[in-house]
Amino acid sequence: MKKTFTFLILILSFIWLTACTNPTFYNNKEKDSGISIKKDIPITFIPQDYSFVSIGDSLTQGVGDSTGKGGYVPILKKLLEDTDGVNKANFTNYGVRGNRSDQLLTKIKTAEVQKSLSEADGVIITIGGNDIMKVVRNNITDLQVDDFDKQLTKYEKNLKSVLQSIKRQNDDAYIILIGVYNPFLKVFSDIKELNDIVTTWNQTSEKVLSQFDNTSFVSITDIFDNPTEDLLYEDYFHPNDQGYKLIAKAIYEKMDNDILKIMEENKNRGE
């Protein structure tokens, strides 16, 4: 009896092992459900390398950054590379101190920048602050709200041309535009109209962006309007290290929400 029972156990064990290793033992329904799992592999399964082009004014160059490494750029790079699904975040920085929207339009038409744009997964832009500053400098003795209207019209036209140029070079690149903030709060705190001008500038930027796919606007006005700590460099115009840290965090939070997923899908489509 004992031998019979032992033999039966061996037979049942053989059948169980065969069932675990032989795919023909399963019915078709079970096989199909196993294969479908591949369709739902998350983007974090295979970390991606991403290429970014940062273009614009002194905020992209990193004026006020005590490390001299490029303001928000190295901070954002680290935040991204610490994120599941990101292997390397490579940045090419074309920020130029003092650049206005018309100068940025000229800059992105150079062969060097166009090559970088054609290979980019994402483009991050800071522009507009010097367009506002131009009006302030030209009308410093008698500054009126109406003085900004003509420059705003030019800015809107230039920004649209910048975005069109990027899209012609690389329609799959995701574009992020960083809004402007009021850098005159400490120097001209009594001119409340400047807040309204900055708001109008940002609204115009968002309106232009809305005409293009794969674009997002990142507002940073709240960071600087009511700070709980000193966020400006000694020139009272550019961000200091902590200011750039908060700008990078704002960009990252926007990207980590949905943008990285869209960028990953765009990469796969282009391959």
C-alpha atoms as a PDB file:
ATOM      1  CA  MET A   1       0.000   0.000   0.000  1.00  0.00           C
ATOM      2  CA  LYS A   2       2.849   2.331   0.875  1.00  0.00           C
ATOM      3  CA  LYS A   3       4.534   1.756  -2.525  1.00  0.00           C
ATOM      4  CA  THR A   4       1.266   2.433  -4.341  1.00  0.00           C
ATOM      5  CA  PHE A   5       0.815   5.723  -2.489  1.00  0.00           C
ATOM      6  CA  THR A   6       4.396   6.788  -3.208  1.00  0.00           C
ATOM      7  CA  PHE A   7       3.976   5.968  -6.900  1.00  0.00           C
ATOM      8  CA  LEU A   8       0.741   7.983  -7.005  1.00  0.00           C
ATOM      9  CA  ILE A   9       2.506  10.986  -5.463  1.00  0.00           C
ATOM     10  CA  LEU A  10       5.240  10.771  -8.127  1.00  0.00           C
ATOM     11  CA  ILE A  11       2.659  10.642 -10.938  1.00  0.00           C
ATOM     12  CA  LEU A  12       0.772  13.663  -9.547  1.00  0.00           C
ATOM     13  CA  SER A  13       4.040  15.588  -9.095  1.00  0.00           C
ATOM     14  CA  PHE A  14       5.015  14.894 -12.721  1.00  0.00           C
ATOM     15  CA  ILE A  15       1.646  16.130 -13.958  1.00  0.00           C
ATOM     16  CA  TRP A  16       1.918  19.309 -11.851  1.00  0.00           C
ATOM     17  CA  LEU A  17       5.437  20.066 -13.095  1.00  0.00           C
ATOM     18  CA  THR A  18       4.348  19.481 -16.688  1.00  0.00           C
ATOM     19  CA  ALA A  19       1.465  21.877 -16.214  1.00  0.00           C
ATOM     20  CA  CYS A  20       3.839  24.573 -14.921  1.00  0.00           C
ATOM     21  CA  THR A  21       6.373  24.241 -17.738  1.00  0.00           C
ATOM     22  CA  ASN A  22       4.338  23.236 -20.779  1.00  0.00           C
ATOM     23  CA  PRO A  23       2.365  26.130 -22.304  1.00  0.00           C
ATOM     24  CA  THR A  24       0.105  23.713 -24.206  1.00  0.00           C
ATOM     25  CA  PHE A  25      -1.391  22.591 -20.910  1.00  0.00           C
ATOM     26  CA  TYR A  26      -3.228  25.946 -20.610  1.00  0.00           C
ATOM     27  CA  ASN A  27      -6.286  26.790 -22.631  1.00  0.00           C
ATOM     28  CA  ASN A  28      -6.248  29.643 -25.150  1.00  0.00           C
ATOM     29  CA  LYS A  29      -8.013  32.081 -22.871  1.00  0.00           C
ATOM     30  CA  GLU A  30      -5.301  31.819 -20.240  1.00  0.00           C
ATOM     31  CA  LYS A  31      -2.572  32.191 -22.874  1.00  0.00           C
ATOM     32  CA  ASP A  32      -4.150  35.366 -24.243  1.00  0.00           C
ATOM     33  CA  SER A  33      -4.413  36.980 -20.829  1.00  0.00           C
ATOM     34  CA  GLY A  34      -0.742  36.288 -20.178  1.00  0.00           C
ATOM     35  CA  ILE A  35       0.383  37.955 -23.433  1.00  0.00           C
ATOM     36  CA  SER A  36      -1.745  41.068 -22.896  1.00  0.00           C
ATOM     37  CA  ILE A  37       0.326  42.060 -19.873  1.00  0.00           C
ATOM     38  CA  LYS A  38       3.026  43.366 -22.246  1.00  0.00           C
ATOM     39  CA  LYS A  39       0.693  46.121 -23.437  1.00  0.00           C
ATOM     40  CA  ASP A  40       0.594  47.689 -19.975  1.00  0.00           C
ATOM     41  CA  ILE A  41       4.301  47.912 -19.191  1.00  0.00           C
ATOM     42  CA  PRO A  42       4.772  51.285 -17.385  1.00  0.00           C
ATOM     43  CA  ILE A  43       7.197  53.879 -18.707  1.00  0.00           C
ATOM     44  CA  THR A  44       9.274  53.429 -15.547  1.00  0.00           C
ATOM     45  CA  PHE A  45      10.058  49.823 -16.570  1.00  0.00           C
ATOM     46  CA  ILE A  46      12.889  50.922 -18.877  1.00  0.00           C
ATOM     47  CA  PRO A  47      14.377  54.291 -17.788  1.00  0.00           C
ATOM     48  CA  GLN A  48      14.734  56.726 -20.698  1.00  0.00           C
ATOM     49  CA  ASP A  49      17.403  59.238 -21.680  1.00  0.00           C
ATOM     50  CA  TYR A  50      15.969  62.694 -22.410  1.00  0.00           C
ATOM     51  CA  SER A  51      17.507  65.613 -24.253  1.00  0.00           C
ATOM     52  CA  PHE A  52      16.498  69.179 -23.347  1.00  0.00           C
ATOM     53  CA  VAL A  53      17.303  72.541 -24.895  1.00  0.00           C
ATOM     54  CA  SER A  54      17.081  75.547 -22.583  1.00  0.00           C
ATOM     55  CA  ILE A  55      16.815  78.857 -24.407  1.00  0.00           C
ATOM     56  CA  GLY A  56      16.043  82.420 -23.432  1.00  0.00           C
ATOM     57  CA  ASP A  57      17.328  85.155 -21.197  1.00  0.00           C
ATOM     58  CA  SER A  58      19.335  85.530 -17.981  1.00  0.00           C
ATOM     59  CA  LEU A  59      17.077  83.144 -16.059  1.00  0.00           C
ATOM     60  CA  THR A  60      18.223  80.389 -18.407  1.00  0.00           C
ATOM     61  CA  GLN A  61      21.838  81.539 -18.316  1.00  0.00           C
ATOM     62  CA  GLY A  62      21.596  81.530 -14.521  1.00  0.00           C
ATOM     63  CA  VAL A  63      22.575  85.085 -13.608  1.00  0.00           C
ATOM     64  CA  GLY A  64      22.526  85.321  -9.811  1.00  0.00           C
ATOM     65  CA  ASP A  65      23.434  81.671  -9.309  1.00  0.00           C
ATOM     66  CA  SER A  66      26.438  81.624  -6.952  1.00  0.00           C
ATOM     67  CA  THR A  67      27.642  78.309  -8.370  1.00  0.00           C
ATOM     68  CA  GLY A  68      27.803  79.645 -11.930  1.00  0.00           C
ATOM     69  CA  LYS A  69      26.381  76.356 -13.212  1.00  0.00           C
ATOM     70  CA  GLY A  70      23.242  77.650 -14.900  1.00  0.00           C
ATOM     71  CA  GLY A  71      20.510  78.624 -12.463  1.00  0.00           C
ATOM     72  CA  TYR A  72      17.539  76.279 -12.508  1.00  0.00           C
ATOM     73  CA  VAL A  73      19.061  73.919 -15.111  1.00  0.00           C
ATOM     74  CA  PRO A  74      21.362  71.741 -12.933  1.00  0.00           C
ATOM     75  CA  ILE A  75      18.729  71.607 -10.193  1.00  0.00           C
ATOM     76  CA  LEU A  76      16.040  70.453 -12.618  1.00  0.00           C
ATOM     77  CA  LYS A  77      18.471  67.945 -14.118  1.00  0.00           C
ATOM     78  CA  LYS A  78      19.005  66.307 -10.719  1.00  0.00           C
ATOM     79  CA  LEU A  79      15.288  66.263  -9.927  1.00  0.00           C
ATOM     80  CA  LEU A  80      14.591  64.522 -13.222  1.00  0.00           C
ATOM     81  CA  GLU A  81      17.388  61.986 -12.876  1.00  0.00           C
ATOM     82  CA  ASP A  82      16.088  61.069  -9.426  1.00  0.00           C
ATOM     83  CA  THR A  83      12.715  60.237 -11.004  1.00  0.00           C
ATOM     84  CA  ASP A  84      11.582  56.718 -11.861  1.00  0.00           C
ATOM     85  CA  GLY A  85      11.589  56.294 -15.609  1.00  0.00           C
ATOM     86  CA  VAL A  86      14.411  58.779 -16.250  1.00  0.00           C
ATOM     87  CA  ASN A  87      17.960  57.571 -16.753  1.00  0.00           C
ATOM     88  CA  LYS A  88      19.740  60.699 -18.006  1.00  0.00           C
ATOM     89  CA  ALA A  89      18.452  64.242 -18.504  1.00  0.00           C
ATOM     90  CA  ASN A  90      20.893  66.013 -20.821  1.00  0.00           C
ATOM     91  CA  PHE A  91      20.619  69.803 -21.100  1.00  0.00           C
ATOM     92  CA  THR A  92      22.061  72.175 -23.682  1.00  0.00           C
ATOM     93  CA  ASN A  93      21.881  75.743 -22.392  1.00  0.00           C
ATOM     94  CA  TYR A  94      21.560  78.691 -24.811  1.00  0.00           C
ATOM     95  CA  GLY A  95      20.532  81.319 -22.267  1.00  0.00           C
ATOM     96  CA  VAL A  96      21.820  84.837 -22.952  1.00  0.00           C
ATOM     97  CA  ARG A  97      21.614  87.631 -20.429  1.00  0.00           C
ATOM     98  CA  GLY A  98      19.488  90.525 -21.650  1.00  0.00           C
ATOM     99  CA  ASN A  99      17.778  88.638 -24.469  1.00  0.00           C
ATOM    100  CA  ARG A 100      14.396  89.943 -25.542  1.00  0.00           C
ATOM    101  CA  SER A 101      11.885  88.008 -27.623  1.00  0.00           C
ATOM    102  CA  ASP A 102      13.167  89.479 -30.908  1.00  0.00           C
ATOM    103  CA  GLN A 103      16.738  88.471 -30.033  1.00  0.00           C
ATOM    104  CA  LEU A 104      15.605  84.973 -29.062  1.00  0.00           C
ATOM    105  CA  LEU A 105      13.926  84.660 -32.457  1.00  0.00           C
ATOM    106  CA  THR A 106      17.265  85.448 -34.109  1.00  0.00           C
ATOM    107  CA  LYS A 107      19.128  83.067 -31.798  1.00  0.00           C
ATOM    108  CA  ILE A 108      17.008  79.990 -32.530  1.00  0.00           C
ATOM    109  CA  LYS A 109      17.551  80.408 -36.271  1.00  0.00           C
ATOM    110  CA  THR A 110      21.283  79.759 -35.956  1.00  0.00           C
ATOM    111  CA  ALA A 111      22.555  76.424 -37.250  1.00  0.00           C
ATOM    112  CA  GLU A 112      23.864  75.345 -33.835  1.00  0.00           C
ATOM    113  CA  VAL A 113      20.587  75.897 -32.011  1.00  0.00           C
ATOM    114  CA  GLN A 114      18.501  74.403 -34.801  1.00  0.00           C
ATOM    115  CA  LYS A 115      20.564  71.210 -34.692  1.00  0.00           C
ATOM    116  CA  SER A 116      20.038  70.955 -30.935  1.00  0.00           C
ATOM    117  CA  LEU A 117      16.318  71.605 -31.313  1.00  0.00           C
ATOM    118  CA  SER A 118      15.991  68.889 -33.956  1.00  0.00           C
ATOM    119  CA  GLU A 119      17.363  66.334 -31.463  1.00  0.00           C
ATOM    120  CA  ALA A 120      15.501  67.566 -28.378  1.00  0.00           C
ATOM    121  CA  ASP A 121      12.739  65.792 -26.480  1.00  0.00           C
ATOM    122  CA  GLY A 122      11.907  68.982 -24.618  1.00  0.00           C
ATOM    123  CA  VAL A 123      12.500  72.732 -24.947  1.00  0.00           C
ATOM    124  CA  ILE A 124      12.348  75.064 -21.938  1.00  0.00           C
ATOM    125  CA  ILE A 125      12.075  78.808 -22.527  1.00  0.00           C
ATOM    126  CA  THR A 126      12.453  81.877 -20.317  1.00  0.00           C
ATOM    127  CA  ILE A 127      11.620  85.106 -22.138  1.00  0.00           C
ATOM    128  CA  GLY A 128       9.640  88.303 -21.705  1.00  0.00           C
ATOM    129  CA  GLY A 129      11.254  89.946 -18.701  1.00  0.00           C
ATOM    130  CA  ASN A 130      13.618  92.029 -20.808  1.00  0.00           C
ATOM    131  CA  ASP A 131      10.765  93.066 -23.113  1.00  0.00           C
ATOM    132  CA  ILE A 132       9.121  94.590 -20.044  1.00  0.00           C
ATOM    133  CA  MET A 133      12.410  96.046 -18.842  1.00  0.00           C
ATOM    134  CA  LYS A 134      12.964  97.771 -22.192  1.00  0.00           C
ATOM    135  CA  VAL A 135       9.765  99.776 -21.697  1.00  0.00           C
ATOM    136  CA  VAL A 136      10.743 100.699 -18.145  1.00  0.00           C
ATOM    137  CA  ARG A 137      14.174 101.923 -19.218  1.00  0.00           C
ATOM    138  CA  ASN A 138      12.839 103.917 -22.157  1.00  0.00           C
ATOM    139  CA  ASN A 139      10.175 105.644 -20.054  1.00  0.00           C
ATOM    140  CA  ILE A 140      11.720 105.712 -16.596  1.00  0.00           C
ATOM    141  CA  THR A 141      10.973 109.418 -15.983  1.00  0.00           C
ATOM    142  CA  ASP A 142       7.313 109.211 -17.008  1.00  0.00           C
ATOM    143  CA  LEU A 143       6.253 105.567 -17.030  1.00  0.00           C
ATOM    144  CA  GLN A 144       2.643 104.981 -18.076  1.00  0.00           C
ATOM    145  CA  VAL A 145       0.686 101.733 -18.386  1.00  0.00           C
ATOM    146  CA  ASP A 146      -0.056 102.510 -22.042  1.00  0.00           C
ATOM    147  CA  ASP A 147       3.677 102.498 -22.783  1.00  0.00           C
ATOM    148  CA  PHE A 148       3.663  98.705 -22.504  1.00  0.00           C
ATOM    149  CA  ASP A 149       0.938  98.071 -25.082  1.00  0.00           C
ATOM    150  CA  LYS A 150       3.093  98.440 -28.194  1.00  0.00           C
ATOM    151  CA  GLN A 151       5.881  96.262 -26.767  1.00  0.00           C
ATOM    152  CA  LEU A 152       3.353  93.601 -25.701  1.00  0.00           C
ATOM    153  CA  THR A 153       2.070  93.381 -29.285  1.00  0.00           C
ATOM    154  CA  LYS A 154       5.625  92.855 -30.521  1.00  0.00           C
ATOM    155  CA  TYR A 155       6.267  90.260 -27.816  1.00  0.00           C
ATOM    156  CA  GLU A 156       3.165  88.295 -28.770  1.00  0.00           C
ATOM    157  CA  LYS A 157       4.188  88.247 -32.435  1.00  0.00           C
ATOM    158  CA  ASN A 158       7.778  87.258 -31.622  1.00  0.00           C
ATOM    159  CA  LEU A 159       6.755  84.496 -29.234  1.00  0.00           C
ATOM    160  CA  LYS A 160       4.449  82.983 -31.822  1.00  0.00           C
ATOM    161  CA  SER A 161       7.273  83.050 -34.377  1.00  0.00           C
ATOM    162  CA  VAL A 162       9.639  81.397 -31.866  1.00  0.00           C
ATOM    163  CA  LEU A 163       7.194  78.557 -31.271  1.00  0.00           C
ATOM    164  CA  GLN A 164       6.529  78.126 -34.975  1.00  0.00           C
ATOM    165  CA  SER A 165      10.261  77.941 -35.664  1.00  0.00           C
ATOM    166  CA  ILE A 166      10.758  75.271 -32.975  1.00  0.00           C
ATOM    167  CA  LYS A 167       7.833  73.227 -34.259  1.00  0.00           C
ATOM    168  CA  ARG A 168       9.126  73.376 -37.818  1.00  0.00           C
ATOM    169  CA  GLN A 169      12.444  72.048 -36.589  1.00  0.00           C
ATOM    170  CA  ASN A 170      10.981  69.373 -34.311  1.00  0.00           C
ATOM    171  CA  ASP A 171       7.226  68.930 -34.015  1.00  0.00           C
ATOM    172  CA  ASP A 172       7.603  66.177 -31.382  1.00  0.00           C
ATOM    173  CA  ALA A 173       9.559  68.320 -28.923  1.00  0.00           C
ATOM    174  CA  TYR A 174       7.526  69.319 -25.858  1.00  0.00           C
ATOM    175  CA  ILE A 175       7.778  73.057 -25.170  1.00  0.00           C
ATOM    176  CA  ILE A 176       7.615  74.548 -21.677  1.00  0.00           C
ATOM    177  CA  LEU A 177       7.462  78.324 -21.289  1.00  0.00           C
ATOM    178  CA  ILE A 178       8.317  79.836 -17.910  1.00  0.00           C
ATOM    179  CA  GLY A 179       6.269  82.885 -17.035  1.00  0.00           C
ATOM    180  CA  VAL A 180       7.700  86.236 -15.985  1.00  0.00           C
ATOM    181  CA  TYR A 181       7.577  87.625 -12.461  1.00  0.00           C
ATOM    182  CA  ASN A 182       7.672  91.185 -11.167  1.00  0.00           C
ATOM    183  CA  PRO A 183      11.354  91.849 -10.426  1.00  0.00           C
ATOM    184  CA  PHE A 184      10.651  95.407  -9.338  1.00  0.00           C
ATOM    185  CA  LEU A 185       8.869  94.622  -6.068  1.00  0.00           C
ATOM    186  CA  LYS A 186      11.768  95.833  -3.911  1.00  0.00           C
ATOM    187  CA  VAL A 187      12.794  98.782  -6.084  1.00  0.00           C
ATOM    188  CA  PHE A 188       9.360  99.995  -7.264  1.00  0.00           C
ATOM    189  CA  SER A 189       7.070  98.499  -4.641  1.00  0.00           C
ATOM    190  CA  ASP A 190       4.827 101.575  -4.842  1.00  0.00           C
ATOM    191  CA  ILE A 191       4.017 101.013  -8.545  1.00  0.00           C
ATOM    192  CA  LYS A 192       1.159  98.528  -8.209  1.00  0.00           C
ATOM    193  CA  GLU A 193       0.389  98.694 -11.933  1.00  0.00           C
ATOM    194  CA  LEU A 194       3.511  96.651 -12.653  1.00  0.00           C
ATOM    195  CA  ASN A 195       1.805  93.607 -11.166  1.00  0.00           C
ATOM    196  CA  ASP A 196      -1.042  94.063 -13.640  1.00  0.00           C
ATOM    197  CA  ILE A 197       1.445  94.380 -16.511  1.00  0.00           C
ATOM    198  CA  VAL A 198       3.187  91.139 -15.509  1.00  0.00           C
ATOM    199  CA  THR A 199      -0.191  89.403 -15.284  1.00  0.00           C
ATOM    200  CA  THR A 200      -1.129  90.628 -18.775  1.00  0.00           C
ATOM    201  CA  TRP A 201       2.243  89.457 -20.129  1.00  0.00           C
ATOM    202  CA  ASN A 202       1.718  85.972 -18.712  1.00  0.00           C
ATOM    203  CA  GLN A 203      -1.849  85.801 -20.004  1.00  0.00           C
ATOM    204  CA  THR A 204      -0.576  86.708 -23.461  1.00  0.00           C
ATOM    205  CA  SER A 205       2.039  83.954 -23.255  1.00  0.00           C
ATOM    206  CA  GLU A 206      -0.598  81.385 -22.307  1.00  0.00           C
ATOM    207  CA  LYS A 207      -2.834  82.533 -25.151  1.00  0.00           C
ATOM    208  CA  VAL A 208      -0.043  82.049 -27.686  1.00  0.00           C
ATOM    209  CA  LEU A 209       0.897  78.645 -26.246  1.00  0.00           C
ATOM    210  CA  SER A 210      -2.700  77.453 -26.517  1.00  0.00           C
ATOM    211  CA  GLN A 211      -2.368  77.622 -30.309  1.00  0.00           C
ATOM    212  CA  PHE A 212       0.218  74.823 -30.303  1.00  0.00           C
ATOM    213  CA  ASP A 213       0.130  71.162 -29.269  1.00  0.00           C
ATOM    214  CA  ASN A 214       2.587  69.736 -26.737  1.00  0.00           C
ATOM    215  CA  THR A 215       3.124  72.980 -24.846  1.00  0.00           C
ATOM    216  CA  SER A 216       2.760  74.010 -21.216  1.00  0.00           C
ATOM    217  CA  PHE A 217       3.043  77.222 -19.215  1.00  0.00           C
ATOM    218  CA  VAL A 218       4.706  77.330 -15.799  1.00  0.00           C
ATOM    219  CA  SER A 219       3.774  80.305 -13.623  1.00  0.00           C
ATOM    220  CA  ILE A 220       6.355  81.538 -11.124  1.00  0.00           C
ATOM    221  CA  THR A 221       4.688  84.773  -9.999  1.00  0.00           C
ATOM    222  CA  ASP A 222       3.462  83.238  -6.736  1.00  0.00           C
ATOM    223  CA  ILE A 223       7.037  82.299  -5.849  1.00  0.00           C
ATOM    224  CA  PHE A 224       8.251  85.896  -5.911  1.00  0.00           C
ATOM    225  CA  ASP A 225       5.128  87.943  -5.104  1.00  0.00           C
ATOM    226  CA  ASN A 226       4.843  86.887  -1.470  1.00  0.00           C
ATOM    227  CA  PRO A 227       8.109  85.196  -0.519  1.00  0.00           C
ATOM    228  CA  THR A 228       8.729  83.894   2.978  1.00  0.00           C
ATOM    229  CA  GLU A 229      12.476  84.270   2.409  1.00  0.00           C
ATOM    230  CA  ASP A 230      14.853  86.353   0.296  1.00  0.00           C
ATOM    231  CA  LEU A 231      14.743  84.963  -3.258  1.00  0.00           C
ATOM    232  CA  LEU A 232      16.522  87.718  -5.203  1.00  0.00           C
ATOM    233  CA  TYR A 233      20.190  88.195  -5.983  1.00  0.00           C
ATOM    234  CA  GLU A 234      22.022  91.281  -4.746  1.00  0.00           C
ATOM    235  CA  ASP A 235      20.961  93.174  -7.888  1.00  0.00           C
ATOM    236  CA  TYR A 236      17.309  92.856  -6.697  1.00  0.00           C
ATOM    237  CA  PHE A 237      16.379  91.661 -10.165  1.00  0.00           C
ATOM    238  CA  HIS A 238      17.571  88.108 -10.751  1.00  0.00           C
ATOM    239  CA  PRO A 239      16.831  85.078  -8.562  1.00  0.00           C
ATOM    240  CA  ASN A 240      19.401  83.898  -6.051  1.00  0.00           C
ATOM    241  CA  ASP A 241      20.221  80.234  -5.395  1.00  0.00           C
ATOM    242  CA  GLN A 242      17.012  79.650  -3.456  1.00  0.00           C
ATOM    243  CA  GLY A 243      14.982  81.450  -6.110  1.00  0.00           C
ATOM    244  CA  TYR A 244      16.354  79.177  -8.819  1.00  0.00           C
ATOM    245  CA  LYS A 245      15.691  76.142  -6.645  1.00  0.00           C
ATOM    246  CA  LEU A 246      12.005  77.075  -6.410  1.00  0.00           C
ATOM    247  CA  ILE A 247      11.799  77.767 -10.158  1.00  0.00           C
ATOM    248  CA  ALA A 248      13.274  74.322 -10.878  1.00  0.00           C
ATOM    249  CA  LYS A 249      10.800  72.743  -8.473  1.00  0.00           C
ATOM    250  CA  ALA A 250       7.864  74.466 -10.210  1.00  0.00           C
ATOM    251  CA  ILE A 251       9.034  73.214 -13.627  1.00  0.00           C
ATOM    252  CA  TYR A 252       9.598  69.709 -12.294  1.00  0.00           C
ATOM    253  CA  GLU A 253       6.172  69.487 -10.660  1.00  0.00           C
ATOM    254  CA  LYS A 254       4.573  70.410 -13.973  1.00  0.00           C
ATOM    255  CA  MET A 255       6.676  67.852 -15.848  1.00  0.00           C
ATOM    256  CA  ASP A 256       6.227  65.038 -13.358  1.00  0.00           C
ATOM    257  CA  ASN A 257       2.459  65.276 -13.643  1.00  0.00           C
ATOM    258  CA  ASP A 258       1.833  64.391 -17.298  1.00  0.00           C
ATOM    259  CA  ILE A 259       4.565  65.835 -19.483  1.00  0.00           C
ATOM    260  CA  LEU A 260       7.174  63.097 -18.984  1.00  0.00           C
ATOM    261  CA  LYS A 261       4.639  60.497 -20.091  1.00  0.00           C
ATOM    262  CA  ILE A 262       3.827  62.504 -23.228  1.00  0.00           C
ATOM    263  CA  MET A 263       7.528  62.969 -23.965  1.00  0.00           C
ATOM    264  CA  GLU A 264       8.123  59.233 -23.614  1.00  0.00           C
ATOM    265  CA  GLU A 265       5.271  58.502 -26.036  1.00  0.00           C
ATOM    266  CA  ASN A 266       6.670  61.056 -28.498  1.00  0.00           C
ATOM    267  CA  LYS A 267      10.108  59.415 -28.277  1.00  0.00           C
ATOM    268  CA  ASN A 268       8.690  55.979 -29.036  1.00  0.00           C
ATOM    269  CA  ARG A 269       6.680  57.318 -31.948  1.00  0.00           C
ATOM    270  CA  GLY A 270       9.754  58.923 -33.460  1.00  0.00           C
ATOM    271  CA  GLU A 271      11.905  55.801 -33.192  1.00  0.00           C
END
